[in-house]
């Protein structure tokens, strides 16, 4: 729902900015139009990411298809960089050589104001969801958005946030052009919008690449999972624990445990599989692999 709202907002804004760019001949408006069209295209990739990543696991893909979400989100981040940042910077540099005045600046201001409202609605939706999830995890909103495996939520949050800042830059550059009579301010606005998009793209690319190569959970989350496993009546000790993301909010858990009691090998193997199936019932767990600990292995501690 968050992605769909962002997509609809970006399409409406992109059309309005394109019309305004034609009427005003403003470099900043051209940059903003490119920005919105890039964002709208990226929302399509994010919708594909959600759909492809949600496919159930099968025999050939025992850890599911969750990492496909990171692949499509990575493609979307490259789209921001190429279709948004590079186009905006190049156009701004070209306009620095020109001395063309912005025509009908009132049209630009109206479109920027409407765009700010639409982008703001989308951003508030993403921000509220992020803040709610961050509170559930006892984290700050910023840390949650930066570290979350929900790559779609992070992309919408950063894209809409950058869109609001970009609108302020574009409006300020046109105003400075009007106040000073120096056309270069409008071109500078285009370049600054491009730089902003490049920074956002680099952050998103880096985070998606990290999840693609394999990212473990934080120390805090590891402690919470370890404590949850030790609260299970079947588990007496835990001597090894590895947890990594295999998709948005999907975990792969490997652990060595000492089961309570002292039963025969066949009975222990059956109980071990039973514990695995119990853990895999959790909505965030894609796959669990448990093996038995030996007596001389040190127990893991999860003290805060």
Protein backbone atom coordinates (compact mmCIF):
# COMPACT_ATOMS: atom_id res chain seq x y z
CA UNK A 1 0.00 0.00 0.00
CA UNK A 2 2.87 2.37 0.84
CA UNK A 3 4.47 1.78 -2.58
CA UNK A 4 1.17 2.20 -4.45
CA UNK A 5 0.48 5.54 -2.76
CA UNK A 6 4.00 6.70 -3.60
CA UNK A 7 3.60 5.57 -7.23
CA UNK A 8 0.32 7.42 -7.76
CA UNK A 9 1.69 10.56 -6.11
CA UNK A 10 4.86 10.48 -8.24
CA UNK A 11 2.95 10.04 -11.54
CA UNK A 12 0.68 13.00 -10.80
CA UNK A 13 3.62 15.12 -9.68
CA UNK A 14 5.76 14.12 -12.68
CA UNK A 15 3.06 15.16 -15.16
CA UNK A 16 2.56 18.51 -13.40
CA UNK A 17 6.30 19.22 -13.25
CA UNK A 18 6.79 18.33 -16.92
CA UNK A 19 4.08 20.76 -17.97
CA UNK A 20 5.57 23.44 -15.70
CA UNK A 21 9.06 22.82 -17.10
CA UNK A 22 7.76 23.43 -20.65
CA UNK A 23 5.96 26.63 -19.67
CA UNK A 24 8.72 28.12 -17.51
CA UNK A 25 11.92 26.92 -19.25
CA UNK A 26 13.33 26.42 -15.75
CA UNK A 27 16.32 24.10 -15.32
CA UNK A 28 15.23 23.37 -11.76
CA UNK A 29 11.78 22.31 -12.96
CA UNK A 30 13.36 20.05 -15.59
CA UNK A 31 15.44 18.44 -12.82
CA UNK A 32 12.36 18.01 -10.65
CA UNK A 33 10.42 16.47 -13.55
CA UNK A 34 13.26 14.00 -14.16
CA UNK A 35 13.32 13.30 -10.42
CA UNK A 36 9.61 12.46 -10.29
CA UNK A 37 9.62 10.33 -13.44
CA UNK A 38 12.60 8.40 -12.05
CA UNK A 39 10.77 7.89 -8.76
CA UNK A 40 7.61 6.73 -10.55
CA UNK A 41 9.62 4.21 -12.56
CA UNK A 42 11.35 3.02 -9.43
CA UNK A 43 8.03 2.37 -7.71
CA UNK A 44 7.25 -0.10 -10.51
CA UNK A 45 10.50 -1.94 -9.74
CA UNK A 46 9.62 -1.92 -6.03
CA UNK A 47 6.18 -3.39 -6.76
CA UNK A 48 7.90 -6.12 -8.77
CA UNK A 49 10.33 -6.62 -5.86
CA UNK A 50 7.45 -7.19 -3.43
CA UNK A 51 5.72 -9.61 -5.80
CA UNK A 52 8.79 -11.64 -6.81
CA UNK A 53 10.21 -11.78 -3.31
CA UNK A 54 6.97 -13.10 -1.80
CA UNK A 55 6.96 -16.35 -3.81
CA UNK A 56 6.91 -19.42 -1.52
CA UNK A 57 10.06 -21.53 -1.24
CA UNK A 58 10.38 -24.72 -3.23
CA UNK A 59 12.83 -27.63 -3.56
CA UNK A 60 15.26 -25.62 -5.70
CA UNK A 61 15.00 -22.56 -3.48
CA UNK A 62 14.88 -23.85 0.12
CA UNK A 63 15.51 -20.36 1.51
CA UNK A 64 12.74 -18.81 -0.58
CA UNK A 65 12.90 -15.97 -3.11
CA UNK A 66 13.30 -13.10 -0.68
CA UNK A 67 16.68 -11.97 -2.03
CA UNK A 68 14.99 -11.15 -5.34
CA UNK A 69 13.45 -8.19 -3.54
CA UNK A 70 16.95 -6.85 -2.91
CA UNK A 71 17.89 -7.35 -6.58
CA UNK A 72 14.91 -5.38 -7.89
CA UNK A 73 15.38 -2.69 -5.25
CA UNK A 74 19.02 -2.41 -6.34
CA UNK A 75 17.88 -1.89 -9.94
CA UNK A 76 15.48 0.80 -8.72
CA UNK A 77 18.31 2.56 -6.85
CA UNK A 78 20.43 2.59 -10.02
CA UNK A 79 17.42 4.12 -11.78
CA UNK A 80 17.46 7.03 -9.34
CA UNK A 81 21.15 7.55 -10.03
CA UNK A 82 20.98 7.38 -13.83
CA UNK A 83 17.55 8.80 -14.70
CA UNK A 84 17.44 11.30 -11.86
CA UNK A 85 20.87 12.37 -10.63
CA UNK A 86 22.89 12.29 -13.86
CA UNK A 87 20.18 13.93 -15.97
CA UNK A 88 19.65 16.72 -13.41
CA UNK A 89 23.36 17.46 -13.00
CA UNK A 90 24.10 17.40 -16.74
CA UNK A 91 21.15 19.66 -17.54
CA UNK A 92 22.16 22.08 -14.80
CA UNK A 93 25.74 22.27 -16.07
CA UNK A 94 24.48 22.95 -19.60
CA UNK A 95 22.16 25.71 -18.36
CA UNK A 96 25.04 27.43 -16.55
CA UNK A 97 26.30 28.48 -19.99
CA UNK A 98 22.93 30.00 -20.89
CA UNK A 99 21.32 33.18 -19.64
CA UNK A 100 17.69 32.27 -20.22
CA UNK A 101 15.18 33.77 -17.80
CA UNK A 102 12.51 31.69 -16.10
CA UNK A 103 9.15 32.43 -17.70
CA UNK A 104 5.88 32.48 -15.73
CA UNK A 105 7.51 31.67 -12.36
CA UNK A 106 4.06 31.69 -10.74
CA UNK A 107 3.26 28.47 -12.63
CA UNK A 108 6.39 26.88 -11.19
CA UNK A 109 5.50 27.95 -7.64
CA UNK A 110 1.97 26.58 -7.94
CA UNK A 111 3.18 23.24 -9.27
CA UNK A 112 5.90 23.02 -6.61
CA UNK A 113 3.35 23.74 -3.86
CA UNK A 114 0.92 21.10 -5.13
CA UNK A 115 3.78 18.64 -5.53
CA UNK A 116 4.91 19.32 -1.96
CA UNK A 117 1.44 18.44 -0.66
CA UNK A 118 1.24 15.20 -2.69
CA UNK A 119 4.79 14.13 -1.84
CA UNK A 120 4.14 15.07 1.78
CA UNK A 121 1.12 12.77 1.96
CA UNK A 122 3.21 9.87 0.66
CA UNK A 123 6.11 10.65 2.99
CA UNK A 124 3.84 10.90 6.06
CA UNK A 125 2.44 7.46 5.22
CA UNK A 126 5.96 5.98 5.06
CA UNK A 127 7.11 7.90 8.14
CA UNK A 128 4.19 6.78 10.31
CA UNK A 129 4.70 3.15 9.38
CA UNK A 130 8.45 3.42 9.99
CA UNK A 131 7.94 5.12 13.36
CA UNK A 132 5.44 2.46 14.47
CA UNK A 133 7.76 -0.40 13.52
CA UNK A 134 10.73 1.36 15.11
CA UNK A 135 8.85 1.71 18.40
CA UNK A 136 7.98 -1.99 18.33
CA UNK A 137 11.71 -2.74 18.03
CA UNK A 138 12.69 -0.11 20.62
CA UNK A 139 14.71 1.76 17.98
CA UNK A 140 14.83 5.28 16.61
CA UNK A 141 12.99 5.87 13.36
CA UNK A 142 16.20 6.83 11.52
CA UNK A 143 18.14 3.75 12.66
CA UNK A 144 15.23 1.50 11.82
CA UNK A 145 14.84 2.89 8.28
CA UNK A 146 18.57 2.68 7.61
CA UNK A 147 18.97 -0.88 8.93
CA UNK A 148 15.64 -2.51 8.15
CA UNK A 149 15.54 -5.43 5.73
CA UNK A 150 12.28 -3.99 4.35
CA UNK A 151 13.98 -2.47 1.34
CA UNK A 152 10.71 -1.19 -0.15
CA UNK A 153 9.86 0.84 2.93
CA UNK A 154 13.37 2.29 3.06
CA UNK A 155 13.26 3.24 -0.64
CA UNK A 156 9.90 5.02 -0.33
CA UNK A 157 11.03 6.80 2.85
CA UNK A 158 14.27 8.09 1.29
CA UNK A 159 12.77 8.90 -2.11
CA UNK A 160 9.87 10.89 -0.67
CA UNK A 161 12.12 12.64 1.82
CA UNK A 162 14.51 13.60 -0.98
CA UNK A 163 11.55 14.74 -3.09
CA UNK A 164 10.44 17.21 -0.40
CA UNK A 165 13.98 18.58 -0.03
CA UNK A 166 14.33 18.79 -3.82
CA UNK A 167 11.13 20.83 -4.08
CA UNK A 168 12.46 23.31 -1.54
CA UNK A 169 15.73 23.55 -3.48
CA UNK A 170 13.90 24.13 -6.77
CA UNK A 171 11.62 26.77 -5.28
CA UNK A 172 14.54 28.57 -3.62
CA UNK A 173 16.64 28.58 -6.78
CA UNK A 174 13.81 30.08 -8.86
CA UNK A 175 13.19 32.70 -6.16
CA UNK A 176 16.89 33.62 -6.08
CA UNK A 177 16.85 33.90 -9.85
CA UNK A 178 13.92 36.32 -9.61
CA UNK A 179 15.46 38.37 -6.80
CA UNK A 180 18.95 38.67 -8.27
CA UNK A 181 18.24 38.46 -11.99
CA UNK A 182 21.07 35.89 -12.25
CA UNK A 183 19.91 32.92 -14.33
CA UNK A 184 22.71 30.74 -12.93
CA UNK A 185 20.75 30.26 -9.69
CA UNK A 186 18.16 28.20 -11.56
CA UNK A 187 20.89 26.00 -13.04
CA UNK A 188 22.53 25.62 -9.62
CA UNK A 189 19.18 24.38 -8.30
CA UNK A 190 19.15 21.66 -10.95
CA UNK A 191 22.68 20.59 -10.01
CA UNK A 192 21.85 20.51 -6.29
CA UNK A 193 18.77 18.36 -6.94
CA UNK A 194 20.98 15.98 -8.92
CA UNK A 195 23.55 15.80 -6.11
CA UNK A 196 20.76 15.09 -3.60
CA UNK A 197 19.48 12.23 -5.75
CA UNK A 198 23.00 10.83 -6.15
CA UNK A 199 23.46 10.71 -2.37
CA UNK A 200 20.12 8.94 -1.87
CA UNK A 201 20.90 6.48 -4.67
CA UNK A 202 24.32 5.63 -3.22
CA UNK A 203 22.81 4.98 0.22
CA UNK A 204 20.11 2.71 -1.23
CA UNK A 205 22.58 0.88 -3.48
CA UNK A 206 24.93 0.25 -0.54
CA UNK A 207 22.17 -1.10 1.70
CA UNK A 208 20.76 -3.43 -0.97
CA UNK A 209 24.22 -4.74 -1.84
CA UNK A 210 24.84 -5.45 1.85
CA UNK A 211 21.70 -7.58 2.08
CA UNK A 212 22.46 -9.36 -1.19
CA UNK A 213 25.91 -10.54 -0.06
CA UNK A 214 24.47 -11.63 3.29
CA UNK A 215 23.77 -9.42 6.29
CA UNK A 216 23.49 -10.75 9.81
CA UNK A 217 21.13 -9.26 12.31
CA UNK A 218 22.21 -6.68 14.88
CA UNK A 219 23.67 -7.68 18.27
CA UNK A 220 20.44 -6.55 19.93
CA UNK A 221 18.28 -8.69 17.65
CA UNK A 222 20.64 -11.64 18.07
CA UNK A 223 20.29 -11.39 21.85
CA UNK A 224 16.50 -11.24 21.58
CA UNK A 225 16.39 -14.33 19.36
CA UNK A 226 18.82 -16.20 21.62
CA UNK A 227 16.73 -15.40 24.67
CA UNK A 228 13.57 -16.49 22.85
CA UNK A 229 15.14 -19.85 21.96
CA UNK A 230 16.29 -20.43 25.54
CA UNK A 231 12.76 -19.74 26.78
CA UNK A 232 11.55 -22.77 24.83
CA UNK A 233 11.09 -25.68 27.29
CA UNK A 234 12.71 -28.11 24.83
CA UNK A 235 16.04 -26.20 24.75
CA UNK A 236 18.39 -26.32 27.73
CA UNK A 237 21.52 -24.72 26.27
CA UNK A 238 22.58 -22.85 23.16
CA UNK A 239 26.21 -23.07 22.00
CA UNK A 240 26.06 -21.62 18.46
CA UNK A 241 23.73 -19.17 16.76
CA UNK A 242 23.84 -17.67 13.29
CA UNK A 243 20.97 -15.58 11.90
CA UNK A 244 20.95 -13.75 8.57
CA UNK A 245 18.41 -12.12 6.29
CA UNK A 246 17.29 -14.06 3.21
CA UNK A 247 14.63 -11.52 2.26
CA UNK A 248 12.69 -8.56 3.66
CA UNK A 249 11.79 -9.54 7.24
CA UNK A 250 12.75 -13.16 6.49
CA UNK A 251 15.41 -14.95 8.55
CA UNK A 252 17.60 -18.03 8.18
CA UNK A 253 18.51 -19.45 11.59
CA UNK A 254 21.31 -21.95 12.30
CA UNK A 255 21.88 -23.05 15.88
CA UNK A 256 23.50 -25.75 18.00
CA UNK A 257 21.38 -26.67 20.99
CA UNK A 258 21.37 -29.01 23.95
CA UNK A 259 17.90 -30.43 24.37
CA UNK A 260 16.44 -30.91 27.82
CA UNK A 261 16.53 -34.51 29.09
CA UNK A 262 18.64 -37.52 28.12
CA UNK A 263 16.84 -39.67 25.57
CA UNK A 264 17.75 -42.13 22.83
CA UNK A 265 19.26 -40.96 19.52
CA UNK A 266 16.06 -41.60 17.55
CA UNK A 267 13.91 -39.77 20.07
CA UNK A 268 16.35 -36.82 20.21
CA UNK A 269 16.38 -36.52 16.40
CA UNK A 270 12.59 -36.50 16.33
CA UNK A 271 12.43 -33.83 19.05
CA UNK A 272 15.01 -31.72 17.21
CA UNK A 273 12.87 -31.68 14.08
CA UNK A 274 9.85 -30.82 16.18
CA UNK A 275 11.66 -27.79 17.63
CA UNK A 276 12.65 -26.67 14.11
CA UNK A 277 9.06 -26.85 12.93
CA UNK A 278 7.89 -24.89 15.98
CA UNK A 279 10.40 -22.08 15.32
CA UNK A 280 9.55 -21.98 11.60
CA UNK A 281 5.94 -21.18 12.48
CA UNK A 282 7.11 -17.64 13.31
CA UNK A 283 6.22 -15.32 10.42
CA UNK A 284 9.75 -13.86 10.24
CA UNK A 285 11.55 -17.21 10.01
CA UNK A 286 12.10 -18.71 6.57
CA UNK A 287 14.26 -21.69 7.55
CA UNK A 288 15.78 -23.19 10.72
CA UNK A 289 18.62 -25.69 10.94
CA UNK A 290 19.39 -27.10 14.39
CA UNK A 291 22.12 -29.50 15.44
CA UNK A 292 23.11 -30.91 18.82
CA UNK A 293 25.73 -29.39 21.08
CA UNK A 294 28.35 -31.45 22.90
CA UNK A 295 29.00 -31.14 26.62
CA UNK A 296 32.37 -29.38 26.43
CA UNK A 297 31.10 -26.54 24.25
CA UNK A 298 30.59 -23.27 26.08
CA UNK A 299 27.05 -21.98 26.44
CA UNK A 300 26.18 -18.68 24.79
CA UNK A 301 25.16 -15.82 27.05
CA UNK A 302 22.76 -13.06 26.02
CA UNK A 303 23.15 -10.60 28.85
CA UNK A 304 22.20 -7.02 27.96
